[in-house]
Amino acid sequence: MNFNITDQNYSALAATGKPMVIDFSAEWCGPCRKMAPLIEELAAKYDGKVIIGSCNVDESEELTAQFGIRNIPAIFFIKDGQTVDKVVGAVPAATVEEKVQALL
């Protein structure tokens, strides 16, 4: 399931202890829209194992600042509460999936 990750629910999601993948994006961003179907596909594939969701940078300014987001799309891979990897820009699906698998 693709979660909408926000300033309000991030702490609760992080508290589950599960690895997380956060896709920082915006409605107006073309490359973000290109990556969205991939994020949804991975969210379904890894449901129950990894929390995968999108964070709208225009709506969640605190989280965007916390992660130091300057360019989007930016996909952050988090394990044990720490960012272990990230990719910025539109990247191949295989690249993102490889990084998701590394969280397991």
PDB file of N, CA and C in Angstrom:
ATOM      1  N   MET A   1       0.840  -1.191   0.000  1.00  0.00           N
ATOM      2  CA  MET A   1       0.000   0.000   0.000  1.00  0.00           C
ATOM      3  C   MET A   1       0.880   1.248   0.000  1.00  0.00           C
ATOM      4  N   ASN A   2       0.538   2.193  -0.823  1.00  0.00           N
ATOM      5  CA  ASN A   2       1.284   3.447  -0.899  1.00  0.00           C
ATOM      6  C   ASN A   2       0.695   4.422   0.104  1.00  0.00           C
ATOM      7  N   PHE A   3       1.468   4.763   1.108  1.00  0.00           N
ATOM      8  CA  PHE A   3       1.036   5.707   2.122  1.00  0.00           C
ATOM      9  C   PHE A   3       1.311   7.122   1.657  1.00  0.00           C
ATOM     10  N   ASN A   4       0.465   8.044   2.117  1.00  0.00           N
ATOM     11  CA  ASN A   4       0.771   9.455   1.970  1.00  0.00           C
ATOM     12  C   ASN A   4       1.504   9.820   3.251  1.00  0.00           C
ATOM     13  N   ILE A   5       2.802  10.042   3.171  1.00  0.00           N
ATOM     14  CA  ILE A   5       3.609  10.332   4.350  1.00  0.00           C
ATOM     15  C   ILE A   5       3.631  11.841   4.554  1.00  0.00           C
ATOM     16  N   THR A   6       3.237  12.261   5.770  1.00  0.00           N
ATOM     17  CA  THR A   6       3.068  13.684   6.062  1.00  0.00           C
ATOM     18  C   THR A   6       3.810  14.067   7.345  1.00  0.00           C
ATOM     19  N   ASP A   7       3.851  15.371   7.599  1.00  0.00           N
ATOM     20  CA  ASP A   7       4.406  15.860   8.865  1.00  0.00           C
ATOM     21  C   ASP A   7       3.679  15.192  10.036  1.00  0.00           C
ATOM     22  N   GLN A   8       2.366  14.971   9.870  1.00  0.00           N
ATOM     23  CA  GLN A   8       1.534  14.449  10.953  1.00  0.00           C
ATOM     24  C   GLN A   8       1.747  12.961  11.231  1.00  0.00           C
ATOM     25  N   ASN A   9       1.987  12.142  10.213  1.00  0.00           N
ATOM     26  CA  ASN A   9       2.043  10.691  10.451  1.00  0.00           C
ATOM     27  C   ASN A   9       3.445  10.085  10.388  1.00  0.00           C
ATOM     28  N   TYR A  10       4.448  10.875  10.062  1.00  0.00           N
ATOM     29  CA  TYR A  10       5.805  10.323   9.912  1.00  0.00           C
ATOM     30  C   TYR A  10       6.304   9.648  11.189  1.00  0.00           C
ATOM     31  N   SER A  11       6.147  10.298  12.324  1.00  0.00           N
ATOM     32  CA  SER A  11       6.655   9.738  13.586  1.00  0.00           C
ATOM     33  C   SER A  11       6.024   8.387  13.895  1.00  0.00           C
ATOM     34  N   ALA A  12       4.717   8.278  13.679  1.00  0.00           N
ATOM     35  CA  ALA A  12       4.020   7.013  13.942  1.00  0.00           C
ATOM     36  C   ALA A  12       4.498   5.919  12.991  1.00  0.00           C
ATOM     37  N   LEU A  13       4.697   6.255  11.721  1.00  0.00           N
ATOM     38  CA  LEU A  13       5.186   5.272  10.755  1.00  0.00           C
ATOM     39  C   LEU A  13       6.612   4.847  11.108  1.00  0.00           C
ATOM     40  N   ALA A  14       7.450   5.817  11.475  1.00  0.00           N
ATOM     41  CA  ALA A  14       8.842   5.517  11.826  1.00  0.00           C
ATOM     42  C   ALA A  14       8.902   4.649  13.079  1.00  0.00           C
ATOM     43  N   ALA A  15       7.941   4.840  13.997  1.00  0.00           N
ATOM     44  CA  ALA A  15       7.927   4.106  15.265  1.00  0.00           C
ATOM     45  C   ALA A  15       7.627   2.617  15.078  1.00  0.00           C
ATOM     46  N   THR A  16       7.128   2.231  13.899  1.00  0.00           N
ATOM     47  CA  THR A  16       6.842   0.805  13.664  1.00  0.00           C
ATOM     48  C   THR A  16       8.127  -0.006  13.588  1.00  0.00           C
ATOM     49  N   GLY A  17       9.257   0.674  13.300  1.00  0.00           N
ATOM     50  CA  GLY A  17      10.530  -0.028  13.197  1.00  0.00           C
ATOM     51  C   GLY A  17      10.764  -0.670  11.843  1.00  0.00           C
ATOM     52  N   LYS A  18       9.764  -0.593  10.959  1.00  0.00           N
ATOM     53  CA  LYS A  18       9.942  -1.166   9.619  1.00  0.00           C
ATOM     54  C   LYS A  18      10.792  -0.234   8.762  1.00  0.00           C
ATOM     55  N   PRO A  19      11.532  -0.811   7.811  1.00  0.00           N
ATOM     56  CA  PRO A  19      12.253   0.049   6.858  1.00  0.00           C
ATOM     57  C   PRO A  19      11.243   0.920   6.115  1.00  0.00           C
ATOM     58  N   MET A  20      11.691   2.097   5.709  1.00  0.00           N
ATOM     59  CA  MET A  20      10.807   3.019   4.994  1.00  0.00           C
ATOM     60  C   MET A  20      11.454   3.518   3.714  1.00  0.00           C
ATOM     61  N   VAL A  21      10.600   3.771   2.734  1.00  0.00           N
ATOM     62  CA  VAL A  21      11.027   4.424   1.496  1.00  0.00           C
ATOM     63  C   VAL A  21      10.096   5.617   1.332  1.00  0.00           C
ATOM     64  N   ILE A  22      10.684   6.811   1.294  1.00  0.00           N
ATOM     65  CA  ILE A  22       9.877   8.018   1.133  1.00  0.00           C
ATOM     66  C   ILE A  22      10.228   8.674  -0.192  1.00  0.00           C
ATOM     67  N   ASP A  23       9.199   8.845  -1.015  1.00  0.00           N
ATOM     68  CA  ASP A  23       9.346   9.527  -2.302  1.00  0.00           C
ATOM     69  C   ASP A  23       8.897  10.974  -2.106  1.00  0.00           C
ATOM     70  N   PHE A  24       9.854  11.892  -2.020  1.00  0.00           N
ATOM     71  CA  PHE A  24       9.519  13.311  -1.894  1.00  0.00           C
ATOM     72  C   PHE A  24       9.208  13.837  -3.288  1.00  0.00           C
ATOM     73  N   SER A  25       7.992  14.376  -3.454  1.00  0.00           N
ATOM     74  CA  SER A  25       7.550  14.790  -4.782  1.00  0.00           C
ATOM     75  C   SER A  25       6.523  15.917  -4.683  1.00  0.00           C
ATOM     76  N   ALA A  26       6.023  16.343  -5.835  1.00  0.00           N
ATOM     77  CA  ALA A  26       4.992  17.376  -5.898  1.00  0.00           C
ATOM     78  C   ALA A  26       4.135  17.137  -7.139  1.00  0.00           C
ATOM     79  N   GLU A  27       2.898  17.615  -7.068  1.00  0.00           N
ATOM     80  CA  GLU A  27       1.946  17.450  -8.173  1.00  0.00           C
ATOM     81  C   GLU A  27       2.469  18.054  -9.481  1.00  0.00           C
ATOM     82  N   TRP A  28       3.136  19.205  -9.381  1.00  0.00           N
ATOM     83  CA  TRP A  28       3.546  19.969 -10.565  1.00  0.00           C
ATOM     84  C   TRP A  28       4.847  19.461 -11.190  1.00  0.00           C
ATOM     85  N   CYS A  29       5.450  18.448 -10.579  1.00  0.00           N
ATOM     86  CA  CYS A  29       6.768  17.964 -11.013  1.00  0.00           C
ATOM     87  C   CYS A  29       6.624  16.808 -12.005  1.00  0.00           C
ATOM     88  N   GLY A  30       7.033  17.035 -13.247  1.00  0.00           N
ATOM     89  CA  GLY A  30       6.919  16.001 -14.282  1.00  0.00           C
ATOM     90  C   GLY A  30       7.655  14.714 -13.957  1.00  0.00           C
ATOM     91  N   PRO A  31       8.947  14.775 -13.601  1.00  0.00           N
ATOM     92  CA  PRO A  31       9.674  13.547 -13.251  1.00  0.00           C
ATOM     93  C   PRO A  31       9.044  12.822 -12.039  1.00  0.00           C
ATOM     94  N   CYS A  32       8.437  13.593 -11.128  1.00  0.00           N
ATOM     95  CA  CYS A  32       7.771  12.976  -9.968  1.00  0.00           C
ATOM     96  C   CYS A  32       6.588  12.133 -10.436  1.00  0.00           C
ATOM     97  N   ARG A  33       5.812  12.691 -11.373  1.00  0.00           N
ATOM     98  CA  ARG A  33       4.654  11.955 -11.902  1.00  0.00           C
ATOM     99  C   ARG A  33       5.115  10.692 -12.631  1.00  0.00           C
ATOM    100  N   LYS A  34       6.284  10.768 -13.263  1.00  0.00           N
ATOM    101  CA  LYS A  34       6.837   9.606 -13.965  1.00  0.00           C
ATOM    102  C   LYS A  34       7.197   8.493 -12.968  1.00  0.00           C
ATOM    103  N   MET A  35       7.685   8.870 -11.786  1.00  0.00           N
ATOM    104  CA  MET A  35       8.110   7.893 -10.778  1.00  0.00           C
ATOM    105  C   MET A  35       6.940   7.337  -9.956  1.00  0.00           C
ATOM    106  N   ALA A  36       5.826   8.055  -9.897  1.00  0.00           N
ATOM    107  CA  ALA A  36       4.697   7.673  -9.039  1.00  0.00           C
ATOM    108  C   ALA A  36       4.196   6.235  -9.262  1.00  0.00           C
ATOM    109  N   PRO A  37       3.991   5.781 -10.513  1.00  0.00           N
ATOM    110  CA  PRO A  37       3.513   4.398 -10.699  1.00  0.00           C
ATOM    111  C   PRO A  37       4.495   3.358 -10.154  1.00  0.00           C
ATOM    112  N   LEU A  38       5.788   3.630 -10.269  1.00  0.00           N
ATOM    113  CA  LEU A  38       6.800   2.713  -9.742  1.00  0.00           C
ATOM    114  C   LEU A  38       6.684   2.628  -8.219  1.00  0.00           C
ATOM    115  N   ILE A  39       6.530   3.771  -7.564  1.00  0.00           N
ATOM    116  CA  ILE A  39       6.409   3.794  -6.109  1.00  0.00           C
ATOM    117  C   ILE A  39       5.178   2.998  -5.683  1.00  0.00           C
ATOM    118  N   GLU A  40       4.064   3.168  -6.395  1.00  0.00           N
ATOM    119  CA  GLU A  40       2.836   2.431  -6.067  1.00  0.00           C
ATOM    120  C   GLU A  40       3.032   0.933  -6.269  1.00  0.00           C
ATOM    121  N   GLU A  41       3.706   0.557  -7.334  1.00  0.00           N
ATOM    122  CA  GLU A  41       3.969  -0.860  -7.628  1.00  0.00           C
ATOM    123  C   GLU A  41       4.839  -1.491  -6.531  1.00  0.00           C
ATOM    124  N   LEU A  42       5.886  -0.791  -6.127  1.00  0.00           N
ATOM    125  CA  LEU A  42       6.766  -1.311  -5.080  1.00  0.00           C
ATOM    126  C   LEU A  42       6.046  -1.369  -3.734  1.00  0.00           C
ATOM    127  N   ALA A  43       5.183  -0.378  -3.473  1.00  0.00           N
ATOM    128  CA  ALA A  43       4.420  -0.366  -2.218  1.00  0.00           C
ATOM    129  C   ALA A  43       3.544  -1.613  -2.122  1.00  0.00           C
ATOM    130  N   ALA A  44       2.924  -2.003  -3.238  1.00  0.00           N
ATOM    131  CA  ALA A  44       2.089  -3.205  -3.246  1.00  0.00           C
ATOM    132  C   ALA A  44       2.945  -4.464  -3.093  1.00  0.00           C
ATOM    133  N   LYS A  45       4.059  -4.498  -3.797  1.00  0.00           N
ATOM    134  CA  LYS A  45       4.933  -5.675  -3.787  1.00  0.00           C
ATOM    135  C   LYS A  45       5.549  -5.935  -2.411  1.00  0.00           C
ATOM    136  N   TYR A  46       5.915  -4.875  -1.710  1.00  0.00           N
ATOM    137  CA  TYR A  46       6.606  -5.023  -0.419  1.00  0.00           C
ATOM    138  C   TYR A  46       5.690  -4.711   0.772  1.00  0.00           C
ATOM    139  N   ASP A  47       4.376  -4.706   0.539  1.00  0.00           N
ATOM    140  CA  ASP A  47       3.413  -4.419   1.601  1.00  0.00           C
ATOM    141  C   ASP A  47       3.640  -5.354   2.785  1.00  0.00           C
ATOM    142  N   GLY A  48       3.717  -4.771   3.976  1.00  0.00           N
ATOM    143  CA  GLY A  48       3.929  -5.574   5.174  1.00  0.00           C
ATOM    144  C   GLY A  48       5.401  -5.728   5.538  1.00  0.00           C
ATOM    145  N   LYS A  49       6.286  -5.482   4.572  1.00  0.00           N
ATOM    146  CA  LYS A  49       7.727  -5.626   4.821  1.00  0.00           C
ATOM    147  C   LYS A  49       8.422  -4.272   4.919  1.00  0.00           C
ATOM    148  N   VAL A  50       8.022  -3.362   4.016  1.00  0.00           N
ATOM    149  CA  VAL A  50       8.626  -2.037   3.949  1.00  0.00           C
ATOM    150  C   VAL A  50       7.503  -1.014   3.809  1.00  0.00           C
ATOM    151  N   ILE A  51       7.593   0.073   4.560  1.00  0.00           N
ATOM    152  CA  ILE A  51       6.624   1.162   4.402  1.00  0.00           C
ATOM    153  C   ILE A  51       7.110   2.017   3.242  1.00  0.00           C
ATOM    154  N   ILE A  52       6.300   2.074   2.194  1.00  0.00           N
ATOM    155  CA  ILE A  52       6.677   2.843   1.006  1.00  0.00           C
ATOM    156  C   ILE A  52       5.592   3.874   0.752  1.00  0.00           C
ATOM    157  N   GLY A  53       5.994   5.125   0.662  1.00  0.00           N
ATOM    158  CA  GLY A  53       5.002   6.165   0.447  1.00  0.00           C
ATOM    159  C   GLY A  53       5.586   7.421  -0.144  1.00  0.00           C
ATOM    160  N   SER A  54       4.682   8.348  -0.419  1.00  0.00           N
ATOM    161  CA  SER A  54       5.064   9.617  -1.024  1.00  0.00           C
ATOM    162  C   SER A  54       4.809  10.748  -0.042  1.00  0.00           C
ATOM    163  N   CYS A  55       5.676  11.741  -0.116  1.00  0.00           N
ATOM    164  CA  CYS A  55       5.532  12.936   0.703  1.00  0.00           C
ATOM    165  C   CYS A  55       5.447  14.134  -0.236  1.00  0.00           C
ATOM    166  N   ASN A  56       4.323  14.845  -0.186  1.00  0.00           N
ATOM    167  CA  ASN A  56       4.150  16.041  -1.003  1.00  0.00           C
ATOM    168  C   ASN A  56       4.927  17.184  -0.348  1.00  0.00           C
ATOM    169  N   VAL A  57       5.980  17.657  -1.019  1.00  0.00           N
ATOM    170  CA  VAL A  57       6.852  18.683  -0.437  1.00  0.00           C
ATOM    171  C   VAL A  57       6.127  20.005  -0.193  1.00  0.00           C
ATOM    172  N   ASP A  58       5.058  20.249  -0.938  1.00  0.00           N
ATOM    173  CA  ASP A  58       4.304  21.494  -0.754  1.00  0.00           C
ATOM    174  C   ASP A  58       3.408  21.429   0.482  1.00  0.00           C
ATOM    175  N   GLU A  59       3.038  20.224   0.904  1.00  0.00           N
ATOM    176  CA  GLU A  59       2.119  20.058   2.037  1.00  0.00           C
ATOM    177  C   GLU A  59       2.825  19.676   3.330  1.00  0.00           C
ATOM    178  N   SER A  60       4.026  19.137   3.256  1.00  0.00           N
ATOM    179  CA  SER A  60       4.744  18.670   4.452  1.00  0.00           C
ATOM    180  C   SER A  60       6.100  19.364   4.546  1.00  0.00           C
ATOM    181  N   GLU A  61       6.053  20.631   4.881  1.00  0.00           N
ATOM    182  CA  GLU A  61       7.274  21.441   4.891  1.00  0.00           C
ATOM    183  C   GLU A  61       8.257  21.014   5.983  1.00  0.00           C
ATOM    184  N   GLU A  62       7.756  20.565   7.147  1.00  0.00           N
ATOM    185  CA  GLU A  62       8.644  20.149   8.239  1.00  0.00           C
ATOM    186  C   GLU A  62       9.477  18.936   7.833  1.00  0.00           C
ATOM    187  N   LEU A  63       8.803  17.935   7.269  1.00  0.00           N
ATOM    188  CA  LEU A  63       9.486  16.703   6.859  1.00  0.00           C
ATOM    189  C   LEU A  63      10.473  16.998   5.720  1.00  0.00           C
ATOM    190  N   THR A  64      10.049  17.838   4.802  1.00  0.00           N
ATOM    191  CA  THR A  64      10.907  18.238   3.684  1.00  0.00           C
ATOM    192  C   THR A  64      12.179  18.898   4.210  1.00  0.00           C
ATOM    193  N   ALA A  65      12.033  19.781   5.206  1.00  0.00           N
ATOM    194  CA  ALA A  65      13.192  20.450   5.799  1.00  0.00           C
ATOM    195  C   ALA A  65      14.048  19.458   6.593  1.00  0.00           C
ATOM    196  N   GLN A  66      13.382  18.553   7.327  1.00  0.00           N
ATOM    197  CA  GLN A  66      14.102  17.570   8.148  1.00  0.00           C
ATOM    198  C   GLN A  66      15.052  16.725   7.291  1.00  0.00           C
ATOM    199  N   PHE A  67      14.603  16.376   6.085  1.00  0.00           N
ATOM    200  CA  PHE A  67      15.419  15.541   5.192  1.00  0.00           C
ATOM    201  C   PHE A  67      16.288  16.378   4.247  1.00  0.00           C
ATOM    202  N   GLY A  68      16.198  17.711   4.349  1.00  0.00           N
ATOM    203  CA  GLY A  68      17.050  18.576   3.533  1.00  0.00           C
ATOM    204  C   GLY A  68      16.774  18.475   2.048  1.00  0.00           C
ATOM    205  N   ILE A  69      15.500  18.353   1.692  1.00  0.00           N
ATOM    206  CA  ILE A  69      15.135  18.179   0.285  1.00  0.00           C
ATOM    207  C   ILE A  69      15.314  19.485  -0.478  1.00  0.00           C
ATOM    208  N   ARG A  70      16.105  19.439  -1.543  1.00  0.00           N
ATOM    209  CA  ARG A  70      16.297  20.611  -2.398  1.00  0.00           C
ATOM    210  C   ARG A  70      15.841  20.337  -3.831  1.00  0.00           C
ATOM    211  N   ASN A  71      15.915  19.071  -4.241  1.00  0.00           N
ATOM    212  CA  ASN A  71      15.510  18.691  -5.596  1.00  0.00           C
ATOM    213  C   ASN A  71      14.555  17.515  -5.502  1.00  0.00           C
ATOM    214  N   ILE A  72      13.586  17.489  -6.401  1.00  0.00           N
ATOM    215  CA  ILE A  72      12.633  16.375  -6.433  1.00  0.00           C
ATOM    216  C   ILE A  72      12.540  15.838  -7.856  1.00  0.00           C
ATOM    217  N   PRO A  73      12.142  14.580  -8.034  1.00  0.00           N
ATOM    218  CA  PRO A  73      11.869  13.633  -6.963  1.00  0.00           C
ATOM    219  C   PRO A  73      13.147  13.229  -6.227  1.00  0.00           C
ATOM    220  N   ALA A  74      12.989  12.986  -4.937  1.00  0.00           N
ATOM    221  CA  ALA A  74      14.077  12.469  -4.102  1.00  0.00           C
ATOM    222  C   ALA A  74      13.511  11.293  -3.327  1.00  0.00           C
ATOM    223  N   ILE A  75      14.127  10.140  -3.472  1.00  0.00           N
ATOM    224  CA  ILE A  75      13.638   8.931  -2.801  1.00  0.00           C
ATOM    225  C   ILE A  75      14.650   8.551  -1.734  1.00  0.00           C
ATOM    226  N   PHE A  76      14.183   8.527  -0.493  1.00  0.00           N
ATOM    227  CA  PHE A  76      15.041   8.210   0.648  1.00  0.00           C
ATOM    228  C   PHE A  76      14.743   6.815   1.160  1.00  0.00           C
ATOM    229  N   PHE A  77      15.790   6.075   1.490  1.00  0.00           N
ATOM    230  CA  PHE A  77      15.693   4.704   1.993  1.00  0.00           C
ATOM    231  C   PHE A  77      16.149   4.730   3.446  1.00  0.00           C
ATOM    232  N   ILE A  78      15.256   4.352   4.359  1.00  0.00           N
ATOM    233  CA  ILE A  78      15.504   4.505   5.792  1.00  0.00           C
ATOM    234  C   ILE A  78      15.420   3.157   6.495  1.00  0.00           C
ATOM    235  N   LYS A  79      16.437   2.868   7.290  1.00  0.00           N
ATOM    236  CA  LYS A  79      16.458   1.630   8.070  1.00  0.00           C
ATOM    237  C   LYS A  79      16.923   1.976   9.481  1.00  0.00           C
ATOM    238  N   ASP A  80      16.235   1.429  10.473  1.00  0.00           N
ATOM    239  CA  ASP A  80      16.568   1.699  11.880  1.00  0.00           C
ATOM    240  C   ASP A  80      16.626   3.199  12.160  1.00  0.00           C
ATOM    241  N   GLY A  81      15.716   3.953  11.527  1.00  0.00           N
ATOM    242  CA  GLY A  81      15.619   5.384  11.776  1.00  0.00           C
ATOM    243  C   GLY A  81      16.663   6.237  11.091  1.00  0.00           C
ATOM    244  N   GLN A  82      17.550   5.621  10.318  1.00  0.00           N
ATOM    245  CA  GLN A  82      18.620   6.361   9.643  1.00  0.00           C
ATOM    246  C   GLN A  82      18.487   6.269   8.128  1.00  0.00           C
ATOM    247  N   THR A  83      18.805   7.366   7.433  1.00  0.00           N
ATOM    248  CA  THR A  83      18.835   7.329   5.973  1.00  0.00           C
ATOM    249  C   THR A  83      20.058   6.520   5.561  1.00  0.00           C
ATOM    250  N   VAL A  84      19.830   5.412   4.845  1.00  0.00           N
ATOM    251  CA  VAL A  84      20.938   4.560   4.424  1.00  0.00           C
ATOM    252  C   VAL A  84      21.271   4.730   2.941  1.00  0.00           C
ATOM    253  N   ASP A  85      20.338   5.334   2.192  1.00  0.00           N
ATOM    254  CA  ASP A  85      20.572   5.540   0.769  1.00  0.00           C
ATOM    255  C   ASP A  85      19.555   6.546   0.257  1.00  0.00           C
ATOM    256  N   LYS A  86      19.831   7.117  -0.915  1.00  0.00           N
ATOM    257  CA  LYS A  86      18.860   8.004  -1.549  1.00  0.00           C
ATOM    258  C   LYS A  86      19.183   8.124  -3.028  1.00  0.00           C
ATOM    259  N   VAL A  87      18.162   8.456  -3.795  1.00  0.00           N
ATOM    260  CA  VAL A  87      18.349   8.769  -5.208  1.00  0.00           C
ATOM    261  C   VAL A  87      17.585  10.057  -5.489  1.00  0.00           C
ATOM    262  N   VAL A  88      18.141  10.874  -6.360  1.00  0.00           N
ATOM    263  CA  VAL A  88      17.500  12.127  -6.720  1.00  0.00           C
ATOM    264  C   VAL A  88      17.287  12.125  -8.224  1.00  0.00           C
ATOM    265  N   GLY A  89      16.074  12.512  -8.637  1.00  0.00           N
ATOM    266  CA  GLY A  89      15.735  12.533 -10.055  1.00  0.00           C
ATOM    267  C   GLY A  89      15.039  11.251 -10.465  1.00  0.00           C
ATOM    268  N   ALA A  90      14.583  11.222 -11.696  1.00  0.00           N
ATOM    269  CA  ALA A  90      13.923  10.027 -12.232  1.00  0.00           C
ATOM    270  C   ALA A  90      15.005   8.993 -12.542  1.00  0.00           C
ATOM    271  N   VAL A  91      14.881   7.813 -11.945  1.00  0.00           N
ATOM    272  CA  VAL A  91      15.870   6.750 -12.134  1.00  0.00           C
ATOM    273  C   VAL A  91      15.158   5.481 -12.585  1.00  0.00           C
ATOM    274  N   PRO A  92      15.898   4.515 -13.141  1.00  0.00           N
ATOM    275  CA  PRO A  92      15.274   3.268 -13.592  1.00  0.00           C
ATOM    276  C   PRO A  92      14.633   2.499 -12.435  1.00  0.00           C
ATOM    277  N   ALA A  93      13.549   1.795 -12.740  1.00  0.00           N
ATOM    278  CA  ALA A  93      12.830   1.007 -11.736  1.00  0.00           C
ATOM    279  C   ALA A  93      13.757   0.020 -11.034  1.00  0.00           C
ATOM    280  N   ALA A  94      14.647  -0.607 -11.790  1.00  0.00           N
ATOM    281  CA  ALA A  94      15.545  -1.620 -11.213  1.00  0.00           C
ATOM    282  C   ALA A  94      16.446  -1.008 -10.137  1.00  0.00           C
ATOM    283  N   THR A  95      16.855   0.232 -10.343  1.00  0.00           N
ATOM    284  CA  THR A  95      17.704   0.919  -9.361  1.00  0.00           C
ATOM    285  C   THR A  95      16.968   1.080  -8.036  1.00  0.00           C
ATOM    286  N   VAL A  96      15.713   1.521  -8.111  1.00  0.00           N
ATOM    287  CA  VAL A  96      14.926   1.740  -6.901  1.00  0.00           C
ATOM    288  C   VAL A  96      14.635   0.410  -6.213  1.00  0.00           C
ATOM    289  N   GLU A  97      14.244  -0.598  -6.982  1.00  0.00           N
ATOM    290  CA  GLU A  97      13.917  -1.893  -6.374  1.00  0.00           C
ATOM    291  C   GLU A  97      15.138  -2.525  -5.703  1.00  0.00           C
ATOM    292  N   GLU A  98      16.288  -2.379  -6.309  1.00  0.00           N
ATOM    293  CA  GLU A  98      17.528  -2.909  -5.723  1.00  0.00           C
ATOM    294  C   GLU A  98      17.778  -2.279  -4.351  1.00  0.00           C
ATOM    295  N   LYS A  99      17.519  -0.976  -4.238  1.00  0.00           N
ATOM    296  CA  LYS A  99      17.718  -0.272  -2.973  1.00  0.00           C
ATOM    297  C   LYS A  99      16.666  -0.683  -1.938  1.00  0.00           C
ATOM    298  N   VAL A 100      15.453  -0.961  -2.402  1.00  0.00           N
ATOM    299  CA  VAL A 100      14.396  -1.447  -1.483  1.00  0.00           C
ATOM    300  C   VAL A 100      14.814  -2.803  -0.928  1.00  0.00           C
ATOM    301  N   GLN A 101      15.276  -3.692  -1.800  1.00  0.00           N
ATOM    302  CA  GLN A 101      15.696  -5.034  -1.357  1.00  0.00           C
ATOM    303  C   GLN A 101      16.839  -4.965  -0.369  1.00  0.00           C
ATOM    304  N   ALA A 102      17.719  -3.981  -0.515  1.00  0.00           N
ATOM    305  CA  ALA A 102      18.858  -3.828   0.399  1.00  0.00           C
ATOM    306  C   ALA A 102      18.388  -3.477   1.815  1.00  0.00           C
ATOM    307  N   LEU A 103      17.164  -2.968   1.951  1.00  0.00           N
ATOM    308  CA  LEU A 103      16.627  -2.636   3.275  1.00  0.00           C
ATOM    309  C   LEU A 103      16.181  -3.877   4.033  1.00  0.00           C
ATOM    310  N   LEU A 104      15.911  -4.958   3.311  1.00  0.00           N
ATOM    311  CA  LEU A 104      15.350  -6.163   3.953  1.00  0.00           C
ATOM    312  C   LEU A 104      16.408  -7.001   4.657  1.00  0.00           C
TER     313      LEU A 104
END
